[in-house]
Amino acid sequence: MAITKAKLFDTSQKRGAELMKALGHPARIAIIELLAERDTCICGDITDELPLAQSTVSQHLKALKKAGIIKGEIDGVRTCYCLDEEGIEEMEDLLTPLLRNLTTATKDNCC
């Protein structure tokens, strides 16, 4: 039986990669920046701020929500989105040590 490559990496490496993948599009960065500024937003408000179709914004919101970076609360026919505090804390806990190690490694780099 073949081993999947995902089993070769630890949980924090896999979760860090999942979070970075979710942030791997400039529209998603723009969305979380907007949510950080406004606390909450309806999808239509986000669409008004970005040069993207509503369906495209919805796809990006879905990816961010799946990764646990944002959460959405249904309000009638609309969904109100905000940053997921636990997800942001998890991202900080996982990525800060990685970035600190990379910064230290580049200072000691011979090239």
N, C-alpha and C. Protein backbone atom coordinates (compact mmCIF):
# COMPACT_ATOMS: atom_id res chain seq x y z
N MET A 1 0.84 -1.18 0.00
CA MET A 1 0.00 0.00 0.00
C MET A 1 0.89 1.24 0.00
N ALA A 2 0.60 2.18 -0.84
CA ALA A 2 1.41 3.38 -0.97
C ALA A 2 1.12 4.36 0.17
N ILE A 3 2.16 5.06 0.59
CA ILE A 3 2.01 6.08 1.61
C ILE A 3 1.77 7.43 0.93
N THR A 4 0.83 8.21 1.44
CA THR A 4 0.61 9.52 0.85
C THR A 4 1.72 10.45 1.32
N LYS A 5 2.11 11.36 0.48
CA LYS A 5 3.19 12.28 0.82
C LYS A 5 2.83 13.19 1.98
N ALA A 6 1.55 13.48 2.18
CA ALA A 6 1.13 14.34 3.29
C ALA A 6 1.54 13.73 4.63
N LYS A 7 1.61 12.42 4.72
CA LYS A 7 1.99 11.77 5.97
C LYS A 7 3.46 11.99 6.31
N LEU A 8 4.24 12.48 5.38
CA LEU A 8 5.66 12.71 5.61
C LEU A 8 5.92 14.03 6.35
N PHE A 9 4.89 14.84 6.55
CA PHE A 9 5.05 16.15 7.17
C PHE A 9 4.23 16.22 8.44
N ASP A 10 4.70 17.04 9.39
CA ASP A 10 3.95 17.13 10.65
C ASP A 10 2.73 18.04 10.52
N THR A 11 1.90 18.01 11.52
CA THR A 11 0.64 18.73 11.50
C THR A 11 0.83 20.22 11.30
N SER A 12 1.80 20.82 11.99
CA SER A 12 2.00 22.26 11.87
C SER A 12 2.49 22.65 10.48
N GLN A 13 3.29 21.80 9.85
CA GLN A 13 3.73 22.08 8.47
C GLN A 13 2.55 22.02 7.51
N LYS A 14 1.70 21.02 7.67
CA LYS A 14 0.53 20.90 6.80
C LYS A 14 -0.44 22.05 7.01
N ARG A 15 -0.68 22.42 8.26
CA ARG A 15 -1.61 23.50 8.55
C ARG A 15 -1.04 24.85 8.08
N GLY A 16 0.25 25.06 8.29
CA GLY A 16 0.89 26.29 7.79
C GLY A 16 0.76 26.41 6.29
N ALA A 17 0.96 25.32 5.58
CA ALA A 17 0.82 25.32 4.13
C ALA A 17 -0.62 25.61 3.72
N GLU A 18 -1.57 25.06 4.44
CA GLU A 18 -2.99 25.30 4.15
C GLU A 18 -3.33 26.79 4.32
N LEU A 19 -2.84 27.38 5.39
CA LEU A 19 -3.09 28.80 5.62
C LEU A 19 -2.43 29.67 4.55
N MET A 20 -1.20 29.36 4.21
CA MET A 20 -0.50 30.16 3.20
C MET A 20 -1.14 29.99 1.83
N LYS A 21 -1.64 28.80 1.54
CA LYS A 21 -2.34 28.59 0.28
C LYS A 21 -3.60 29.44 0.23
N ALA A 22 -4.31 29.51 1.36
CA ALA A 22 -5.52 30.32 1.41
C ALA A 22 -5.21 31.80 1.21
N LEU A 23 -4.03 32.22 1.59
CA LEU A 23 -3.62 33.62 1.43
C LEU A 23 -2.86 33.85 0.12
N GLY A 24 -2.79 32.85 -0.71
CA GLY A 24 -1.96 32.88 -1.91
C GLY A 24 -2.55 33.62 -3.11
N HIS A 25 -3.49 34.50 -2.88
CA HIS A 25 -4.05 35.30 -3.97
C HIS A 25 -4.22 36.73 -3.48
N PRO A 26 -3.84 37.72 -4.29
CA PRO A 26 -3.94 39.11 -3.82
C PRO A 26 -5.36 39.53 -3.44
N ALA A 27 -6.36 38.96 -4.07
CA ALA A 27 -7.74 39.29 -3.70
C ALA A 27 -8.05 38.85 -2.28
N ARG A 28 -7.51 37.73 -1.87
CA ARG A 28 -7.75 37.23 -0.51
C ARG A 28 -7.05 38.11 0.52
N ILE A 29 -5.86 38.57 0.18
CA ILE A 29 -5.17 39.52 1.06
C ILE A 29 -6.01 40.80 1.17
N ALA A 30 -6.51 41.29 0.04
CA ALA A 30 -7.34 42.50 0.04
C ALA A 30 -8.60 42.29 0.89
N ILE A 31 -9.19 41.11 0.81
CA ILE A 31 -10.40 40.83 1.59
C ILE A 31 -10.11 40.86 3.08
N ILE A 32 -9.05 40.20 3.52
CA ILE A 32 -8.78 40.20 4.96
C ILE A 32 -8.34 41.58 5.45
N GLU A 33 -7.67 42.35 4.60
CA GLU A 33 -7.34 43.73 4.98
C GLU A 33 -8.61 44.55 5.15
N LEU A 34 -9.54 44.37 4.24
CA LEU A 34 -10.82 45.09 4.31
C LEU A 34 -11.59 44.69 5.57
N LEU A 35 -11.62 43.40 5.87
CA LEU A 35 -12.32 42.94 7.07
C LEU A 35 -11.64 43.45 8.34
N ALA A 36 -10.32 43.57 8.32
CA ALA A 36 -9.60 44.10 9.47
C ALA A 36 -9.95 45.57 9.71
N GLU A 37 -10.15 46.31 8.63
CA GLU A 37 -10.51 47.73 8.74
C GLU A 37 -11.94 47.93 9.21
N ARG A 38 -12.86 47.10 8.73
CA ARG A 38 -14.29 47.32 8.95
C ARG A 38 -14.91 46.43 10.00
N ASP A 39 -14.22 45.48 10.50
CA ASP A 39 -14.74 44.49 11.45
C ASP A 39 -15.67 43.47 10.79
N THR A 40 -16.70 43.92 10.07
CA THR A 40 -17.60 43.00 9.38
C THR A 40 -17.97 43.57 8.01
N CYS A 41 -18.34 42.69 7.10
CA CYS A 41 -18.73 43.11 5.75
C CYS A 41 -19.69 42.10 5.16
N ILE A 42 -20.60 42.61 4.37
CA ILE A 42 -21.47 41.77 3.55
C ILE A 42 -20.73 41.54 2.23
N CYS A 43 -20.94 40.42 1.61
CA CYS A 43 -20.26 40.08 0.36
C CYS A 43 -20.38 41.22 -0.66
N GLY A 44 -21.55 41.81 -0.77
CA GLY A 44 -21.76 42.90 -1.73
C GLY A 44 -20.88 44.10 -1.44
N ASP A 45 -20.64 44.39 -0.15
CA ASP A 45 -19.75 45.49 0.23
C ASP A 45 -18.31 45.20 -0.21
N ILE A 46 -17.91 43.96 -0.06
CA ILE A 46 -16.56 43.56 -0.48
C ILE A 46 -16.45 43.67 -2.00
N THR A 47 -17.48 43.22 -2.70
CA THR A 47 -17.51 43.29 -4.16
C THR A 47 -17.40 44.74 -4.63
N ASP A 48 -18.03 45.66 -3.91
CA ASP A 48 -17.96 47.08 -4.26
C ASP A 48 -16.54 47.64 -4.16
N GLU A 49 -15.73 47.03 -3.29
CA GLU A 49 -14.37 47.53 -3.06
C GLU A 49 -13.32 46.88 -3.96
N LEU A 50 -13.63 45.73 -4.51
CA LEU A 50 -12.65 44.99 -5.32
C LEU A 50 -13.04 44.98 -6.79
N PRO A 51 -12.06 44.92 -7.67
CA PRO A 51 -12.37 44.89 -9.11
C PRO A 51 -12.70 43.48 -9.60
N LEU A 52 -13.58 42.81 -8.87
CA LEU A 52 -13.93 41.42 -9.18
C LEU A 52 -15.43 41.24 -9.17
N ALA A 53 -15.90 40.25 -9.90
CA ALA A 53 -17.32 39.91 -9.91
C ALA A 53 -17.72 39.32 -8.56
N GLN A 54 -18.99 39.43 -8.25
CA GLN A 54 -19.50 38.91 -6.98
C GLN A 54 -19.24 37.42 -6.84
N SER A 55 -19.39 36.67 -7.92
CA SER A 55 -19.15 35.22 -7.86
C SER A 55 -17.70 34.91 -7.54
N THR A 56 -16.79 35.72 -8.07
CA THR A 56 -15.36 35.52 -7.81
C THR A 56 -15.05 35.85 -6.35
N VAL A 57 -15.61 36.95 -5.85
CA VAL A 57 -15.42 37.32 -4.44
C VAL A 57 -15.97 36.19 -3.55
N SER A 58 -17.11 35.65 -3.90
CA SER A 58 -17.70 34.55 -3.12
C SER A 58 -16.77 33.34 -3.07
N GLN A 59 -16.11 33.03 -4.18
CA GLN A 59 -15.17 31.90 -4.21
C GLN A 59 -13.99 32.16 -3.27
N HIS A 60 -13.48 33.40 -3.28
CA HIS A 60 -12.37 33.74 -2.39
C HIS A 60 -12.80 33.69 -0.93
N LEU A 61 -14.00 34.18 -0.64
CA LEU A 61 -14.53 34.12 0.72
C LEU A 61 -14.66 32.67 1.18
N LYS A 62 -15.11 31.82 0.30
CA LYS A 62 -15.26 30.39 0.62
C LYS A 62 -13.92 29.77 0.99
N ALA A 63 -12.87 30.10 0.22
CA ALA A 63 -11.53 29.55 0.50
C ALA A 63 -11.00 30.06 1.84
N LEU A 64 -11.20 31.34 2.12
CA LEU A 64 -10.74 31.91 3.40
C LEU A 64 -11.52 31.31 4.57
N LYS A 65 -12.80 31.09 4.37
CA LYS A 65 -13.63 30.51 5.42
C LYS A 65 -13.24 29.05 5.67
N LYS A 66 -13.01 28.31 4.60
CA LYS A 66 -12.61 26.90 4.73
C LYS A 66 -11.30 26.77 5.50
N ALA A 67 -10.39 27.73 5.30
CA ALA A 67 -9.10 27.70 5.99
C ALA A 67 -9.21 28.18 7.44
N GLY A 68 -10.37 28.74 7.81
CA GLY A 68 -10.56 29.20 9.17
C GLY A 68 -10.03 30.60 9.44
N ILE A 69 -9.76 31.36 8.39
CA ILE A 69 -9.24 32.71 8.54
C ILE A 69 -10.37 33.71 8.75
N ILE A 70 -11.52 33.44 8.13
CA ILE A 70 -12.70 34.28 8.33
C ILE A 70 -13.87 33.39 8.72
N LYS A 71 -14.93 34.03 9.20
CA LYS A 71 -16.16 33.30 9.46
C LYS A 71 -17.31 34.14 8.93
N GLY A 72 -18.42 33.49 8.67
CA GLY A 72 -19.58 34.17 8.12
C GLY A 72 -20.83 33.82 8.89
N GLU A 73 -21.64 34.82 9.15
CA GLU A 73 -22.89 34.63 9.86
C GLU A 73 -24.03 35.02 8.94
N ILE A 74 -24.97 34.13 8.75
CA ILE A 74 -26.10 34.39 7.86
C ILE A 74 -27.03 35.39 8.52
N ASP A 75 -27.35 36.44 7.77
CA ASP A 75 -28.25 37.49 8.24
C ASP A 75 -29.33 37.67 7.17
N GLY A 76 -30.40 36.89 7.29
CA GLY A 76 -31.44 36.91 6.26
C GLY A 76 -30.92 36.28 4.99
N VAL A 77 -30.95 37.05 3.90
CA VAL A 77 -30.47 36.52 2.62
C VAL A 77 -28.99 36.84 2.40
N ARG A 78 -28.40 37.55 3.34
CA ARG A 78 -26.99 37.94 3.20
C ARG A 78 -26.13 37.22 4.23
N THR A 79 -24.84 37.17 3.96
CA THR A 79 -23.90 36.64 4.93
C THR A 79 -22.94 37.76 5.32
N CYS A 80 -22.79 37.93 6.62
CA CYS A 80 -21.91 38.96 7.16
C CYS A 80 -20.59 38.27 7.54
N TYR A 81 -19.49 38.72 6.95
CA TYR A 81 -18.18 38.10 7.16
C TYR A 81 -17.34 38.93 8.10
N CYS A 82 -16.49 38.25 8.87
CA CYS A 82 -15.51 38.91 9.73
C CYS A 82 -14.31 37.98 9.90
N LEU A 83 -13.24 38.53 10.42
CA LEU A 83 -12.06 37.71 10.69
C LEU A 83 -12.39 36.72 11.79
N ASP A 84 -11.84 35.52 11.70
CA ASP A 84 -12.02 34.51 12.74
C ASP A 84 -10.86 34.66 13.72
N GLU A 85 -11.15 35.15 14.90
CA GLU A 85 -10.11 35.45 15.88
C GLU A 85 -9.24 34.23 16.17
N GLU A 86 -9.86 33.08 16.34
CA GLU A 86 -9.09 31.86 16.62
C GLU A 86 -8.19 31.49 15.44
N GLY A 87 -8.72 31.64 14.23
CA GLY A 87 -7.93 31.34 13.04
C GLY A 87 -6.75 32.27 12.88
N ILE A 88 -6.95 33.56 13.18
CA ILE A 88 -5.87 34.53 13.08
C ILE A 88 -4.80 34.23 14.13
N GLU A 89 -5.22 33.88 15.34
CA GLU A 89 -4.27 33.51 16.39
C GLU A 89 -3.49 32.27 16.00
N GLU A 90 -4.18 31.29 15.43
CA GLU A 90 -3.50 30.07 15.00
C GLU A 90 -2.47 30.39 13.92
N MET A 91 -2.85 31.26 12.98
CA MET A 91 -1.94 31.65 11.91
C MET A 91 -0.71 32.33 12.50
N GLU A 92 -0.91 33.20 13.45
CA GLU A 92 0.22 33.88 14.10
C GLU A 92 1.11 32.88 14.81
N ASP A 93 0.50 31.93 15.55
CA ASP A 93 1.26 30.92 16.29
C ASP A 93 2.09 30.03 15.36
N LEU A 94 1.55 29.72 14.19
CA LEU A 94 2.25 28.84 13.26
C LEU A 94 3.30 29.58 12.42
N LEU A 95 2.94 30.76 11.96
CA LEU A 95 3.80 31.44 10.99
C LEU A 95 4.87 32.34 11.61
N THR A 96 4.63 32.88 12.79
CA THR A 96 5.63 33.75 13.42
C THR A 96 6.94 33.01 13.68
N PRO A 97 6.90 31.81 14.29
CA PRO A 97 8.17 31.09 14.48
C PRO A 97 8.87 30.75 13.16
N LEU A 98 8.09 30.40 12.16
CA LEU A 98 8.67 30.10 10.85
C LEU A 98 9.39 31.32 10.29
N LEU A 99 8.73 32.47 10.31
CA LEU A 99 9.34 33.70 9.79
C LEU A 99 10.55 34.11 10.62
N ARG A 100 10.48 33.93 11.92
CA ARG A 100 11.63 34.25 12.78
C ARG A 100 12.82 33.36 12.42
N ASN A 101 12.57 32.07 12.21
CA ASN A 101 13.65 31.15 11.83
C ASN A 101 14.24 31.52 10.47
N LEU A 102 13.39 31.90 9.52
CA LEU A 102 13.87 32.29 8.21
C LEU A 102 14.70 33.56 8.27
N THR A 103 14.27 34.51 9.10
CA THR A 103 15.02 35.74 9.26
C THR A 103 16.39 35.46 9.84
N THR A 104 16.45 34.62 10.86
CA THR A 104 17.72 34.25 11.47
C THR A 104 18.60 33.52 10.47
N ALA A 105 18.00 32.63 9.69
CA ALA A 105 18.77 31.84 8.71
C ALA A 105 19.36 32.74 7.63
N THR A 106 18.64 33.77 7.22
CA THR A 106 19.17 34.64 6.16
C THR A 106 20.31 35.51 6.68
N LYS A 107 20.31 35.83 7.96
CA LYS A 107 21.41 36.60 8.54
C LYS A 107 22.68 35.77 8.61
N ASP A 108 22.52 34.46 8.76
CA ASP A 108 23.67 33.56 8.85
C ASP A 108 24.05 32.96 7.51
N ASN A 109 23.30 33.31 6.47
CA ASN A 109 23.51 32.73 5.14
C ASN A 109 24.87 33.14 4.58
N CYS A 110 25.55 32.23 3.96
CA CYS A 110 26.87 32.50 3.43
C CYS A 110 26.85 33.20 2.07
N CYS A 111 25.74 33.22 1.40
CA CYS A 111 25.71 33.78 0.04
C CYS A 111 25.40 35.24 0.02
